Amino acid sequence: MTDEPKLRAFVAFELDERLRAAIAAIQDRFRALAGLRLVRPEGVHLTLRFLGWSTRPQLETLAPRLAAAASACAPFEASVCGLGTFPERGAPRVLWLGVALPPAVLELQRSCERAARDAGFEAEERAFAPHLTLGRFRERVPRPRLDAVDLGTTRIDTLVLFRSVPQRDGSVYTPLVRMALGGAA
């Protein structure tokens, strides 16, 4: 029996170019912050479910379940505001931008979690916290001072199953399957 190659994968919403440009401007404020490695603006996305290392059969089983979940959720407007760090206490590891989602999207996230478990993935133990990762701290640093940020709303109409290929300067994300929200073409 041969070992099947695995792909690193996740389920997320892509962001429009206007929002990506606004995110890049916010990231510029933190470019000089010691120990922070910024995510490339084109790589910023709203993750609903990280899958990790996955087999092709798992992803082939998962995709139609995700498509069914996506078709049950209408396109929506998400509010993008607030800056913070994870974890809430101690040395920060992640700098994030907040995202407020309508209740139907939170149900979509729960459906994605069920679909992942049904496809053979382990249950996610952490509670879902909608956010956009702006950067990761490579070393222990004091908690930075964060000013209020409000980027307004952005329209989301597509769920994407992504492949993630780690690279030295940040992972490269490739869409494997795009699924229209609300079943639109």
Protein backbone atom coordinates (compact mmCIF):
# COMPACT_ATOMS: atom_id res chain seq x y z
CA MET A 1 0.00 0.00 0.00
CA THR A 2 1.44 3.38 -0.99
CA ASP A 3 1.10 6.55 0.99
CA GLU A 4 -1.29 8.90 -0.76
CA PRO A 5 0.04 12.47 -1.02
CA LYS A 6 -1.82 14.88 1.23
CA LEU A 7 -2.85 18.46 0.60
CA ARG A 8 -3.15 21.16 3.22
CA ALA A 9 -6.63 22.66 2.90
CA PHE A 10 -9.18 25.00 4.44
CA VAL A 11 -12.65 26.44 3.80
CA ALA A 12 -12.95 30.22 3.59
CA PHE A 13 -14.46 33.33 2.04
CA GLU A 14 -12.33 35.36 -0.36
CA LEU A 15 -12.25 39.14 -0.04
CA ASP A 16 -12.81 41.74 -2.74
CA GLU A 17 -10.04 43.97 -4.05
CA ARG A 18 -11.37 47.10 -2.30
CA LEU A 19 -11.14 45.39 1.07
CA ARG A 20 -7.72 43.94 0.30
CA ALA A 21 -6.41 47.45 -0.48
CA ALA A 22 -7.83 48.76 2.81
CA ILE A 23 -6.24 45.84 4.67
CA ALA A 24 -2.86 46.58 3.04
CA ALA A 25 -3.11 50.19 4.27
CA ILE A 26 -3.80 48.99 7.82
CA GLN A 27 -0.93 46.53 7.64
CA ASP A 28 1.39 49.39 6.65
CA ARG A 29 0.79 50.88 10.12
CA PHE A 30 2.35 47.77 11.65
CA ARG A 31 5.20 47.19 9.21
CA ALA A 32 7.82 48.41 11.70
CA LEU A 33 6.41 46.49 14.67
CA ALA A 34 9.14 44.23 16.06
CA GLY A 35 8.63 40.52 15.62
CA LEU A 36 5.51 40.79 13.43
CA ARG A 37 5.39 38.94 10.11
CA LEU A 38 2.54 40.37 8.04
CA VAL A 39 0.33 38.19 5.87
CA ARG A 40 0.41 39.16 2.19
CA PRO A 41 -2.79 41.18 1.52
CA GLU A 42 -3.74 38.85 -1.36
CA GLY A 43 -3.61 35.96 1.11
CA VAL A 44 -5.99 37.45 3.68
CA HIS A 45 -9.26 35.50 3.85
CA LEU A 46 -12.00 34.64 6.34
CA THR A 47 -11.49 31.03 7.38
CA LEU A 48 -14.59 29.05 8.33
CA ARG A 49 -12.84 25.71 8.85
CA PHE A 50 -9.15 24.82 8.76
CA LEU A 51 -8.80 21.23 7.58
CA GLY A 52 -5.05 20.68 7.74
CA TRP A 53 -3.46 17.79 5.88
CA SER A 54 -6.13 16.15 3.76
CA THR A 55 -6.41 13.31 1.28
CA ARG A 56 -8.02 13.82 -2.12
CA PRO A 57 -10.82 11.35 -1.25
CA GLN A 58 -11.59 13.36 1.90
CA LEU A 59 -11.79 16.58 -0.14
CA GLU A 60 -13.90 14.88 -2.83
CA THR A 61 -16.31 13.72 -0.11
CA LEU A 62 -16.30 17.15 1.52
CA ALA A 63 -16.87 19.34 -1.58
CA PRO A 64 -20.52 18.40 -2.31
CA ARG A 65 -21.39 18.75 1.37
CA LEU A 66 -19.88 22.24 1.38
CA ALA A 67 -21.74 23.12 -1.82
CA ALA A 68 -25.04 22.08 -0.21
CA ALA A 69 -24.26 24.19 2.87
CA ALA A 70 -23.28 27.18 0.68
CA SER A 71 -26.50 26.95 -1.32
CA ALA A 72 -28.51 27.22 1.93
CA CYS A 73 -26.86 30.55 2.85
CA ALA A 74 -27.68 33.73 0.93
CA PRO A 75 -24.93 36.20 -0.05
CA PHE A 76 -24.39 38.71 2.74
CA GLU A 77 -22.69 41.88 3.95
CA ALA A 78 -20.01 41.48 6.63
CA SER A 79 -18.89 44.35 8.84
CA VAL A 80 -15.10 44.62 9.08
CA CYS A 81 -13.95 46.52 12.17
CA GLY A 82 -11.84 46.26 15.29
CA LEU A 83 -8.24 45.20 15.82
CA GLY A 84 -7.05 42.67 18.35
CA THR A 85 -4.56 39.96 19.19
CA PHE A 86 -4.75 36.27 20.02
CA PRO A 87 -4.45 35.03 22.65
CA GLU A 88 -6.32 37.53 24.79
CA ARG A 89 -3.76 37.24 27.61
CA GLY A 90 -0.01 36.90 27.60
CA ALA A 91 2.27 37.47 24.65
CA PRO A 92 0.37 38.05 21.40
CA ARG A 93 0.79 35.49 18.60
CA VAL A 94 -1.69 36.82 16.00
CA LEU A 95 -2.74 40.36 14.99
CA TRP A 96 -6.29 40.30 13.62
CA LEU A 97 -9.00 42.46 12.12
CA GLY A 98 -12.53 41.76 13.37
CA VAL A 99 -15.47 40.62 11.25
CA ALA A 100 -19.13 40.67 12.32
CA LEU A 101 -21.25 38.06 10.57
CA PRO A 102 -25.03 37.65 10.30
CA PRO A 103 -26.57 34.64 12.12
CA ALA A 104 -27.11 32.72 8.84
CA VAL A 105 -23.36 32.77 8.22
CA LEU A 106 -22.67 31.42 11.68
CA GLU A 107 -25.01 28.54 10.79
CA LEU A 108 -23.04 28.08 7.54
CA GLN A 109 -19.85 27.79 9.61
CA ARG A 110 -21.48 25.13 11.79
CA SER A 111 -22.57 23.30 8.62
CA CYS A 112 -18.98 23.42 7.34
CA GLU A 113 -17.82 21.91 10.63
CA ARG A 114 -20.39 19.09 10.37
CA ALA A 115 -19.43 18.48 6.73
CA ALA A 116 -15.73 18.26 7.69
CA ARG A 117 -16.45 15.73 10.45
CA ASP A 118 -18.67 13.71 8.08
CA ALA A 119 -15.78 13.63 5.58
CA GLY A 120 -13.45 12.17 8.21
CA PHE A 121 -11.77 15.24 9.69
CA GLU A 122 -11.29 15.56 13.44
CA ALA A 123 -13.68 17.91 15.22
CA GLU A 124 -12.42 21.48 15.68
CA GLU A 125 -11.96 22.04 19.40
CA ARG A 126 -11.63 25.82 19.33
CA ALA A 127 -14.71 28.02 19.18
CA PHE A 128 -15.19 29.87 15.89
CA ALA A 129 -13.96 33.47 16.17
CA PRO A 130 -14.49 35.33 12.85
CA HIS A 131 -11.41 37.40 12.03
CA LEU A 132 -8.91 38.26 9.31
CA THR A 133 -5.31 37.47 10.25
CA LEU A 134 -3.11 40.47 9.47
CA GLY A 135 0.12 39.04 10.84
CA ARG A 136 1.80 36.61 13.21
CA PHE A 137 4.33 37.39 15.88
CA ARG A 138 7.54 35.37 15.50
CA GLU A 139 8.77 36.14 18.98
CA ARG A 140 7.46 37.23 22.37
CA VAL A 141 6.72 40.95 22.29
CA PRO A 142 4.72 43.33 24.46
CA ARG A 143 1.08 43.72 23.46
CA PRO A 144 0.92 46.54 20.85
CA ARG A 145 -1.31 49.60 21.21
CA LEU A 146 -4.21 49.18 18.79
CA ASP A 147 -6.36 52.04 17.52
CA ALA A 148 -9.97 51.60 16.45
CA VAL A 149 -10.50 50.52 12.85
CA ASP A 150 -13.72 50.41 10.84
CA LEU A 151 -13.51 49.38 7.18
CA GLY A 152 -17.27 49.31 6.67
CA THR A 153 -18.99 46.37 5.04
CA THR A 154 -18.04 43.97 2.28
CA ARG A 155 -20.24 41.68 0.21
CA ILE A 156 -19.51 37.96 0.37
CA ASP A 157 -21.11 35.63 -2.18
CA THR A 158 -18.74 32.67 -2.60
CA LEU A 159 -17.43 29.90 -0.34
CA VAL A 160 -14.08 28.43 -1.39
CA LEU A 161 -12.26 25.19 -0.64
CA PHE A 162 -8.59 26.20 -0.75
CA ARG A 163 -5.31 24.34 -1.01
CA SER A 164 -2.51 25.85 1.08
CA VAL A 165 1.12 25.38 0.08
CA PRO A 166 3.53 26.65 2.77
CA GLN A 167 6.36 28.81 1.40
CA ARG A 168 9.20 30.64 3.09
CA ASP A 169 7.54 34.05 2.61
CA GLY A 170 4.02 32.87 3.44
CA SER A 171 1.64 30.21 2.20
CA VAL A 172 0.21 30.29 -1.31
CA TYR A 173 -3.53 29.63 -1.52
CA THR A 174 -5.13 28.04 -4.56
CA PRO A 175 -8.90 27.64 -4.93
CA LEU A 176 -9.85 23.98 -5.47
CA VAL A 177 -13.62 24.53 -5.59
CA ARG A 178 -15.71 27.71 -5.59
CA MET A 179 -19.31 27.47 -4.35
CA ALA A 180 -21.85 30.25 -4.84
CA LEU A 181 -23.82 31.23 -1.76
CA GLY A 182 -27.56 30.83 -2.17
CA GLY A 183 -27.05 28.47 -5.10
CA ALA A 184 -26.56 31.35 -7.58
CA ALA A 185 -24.58 30.57 -10.71
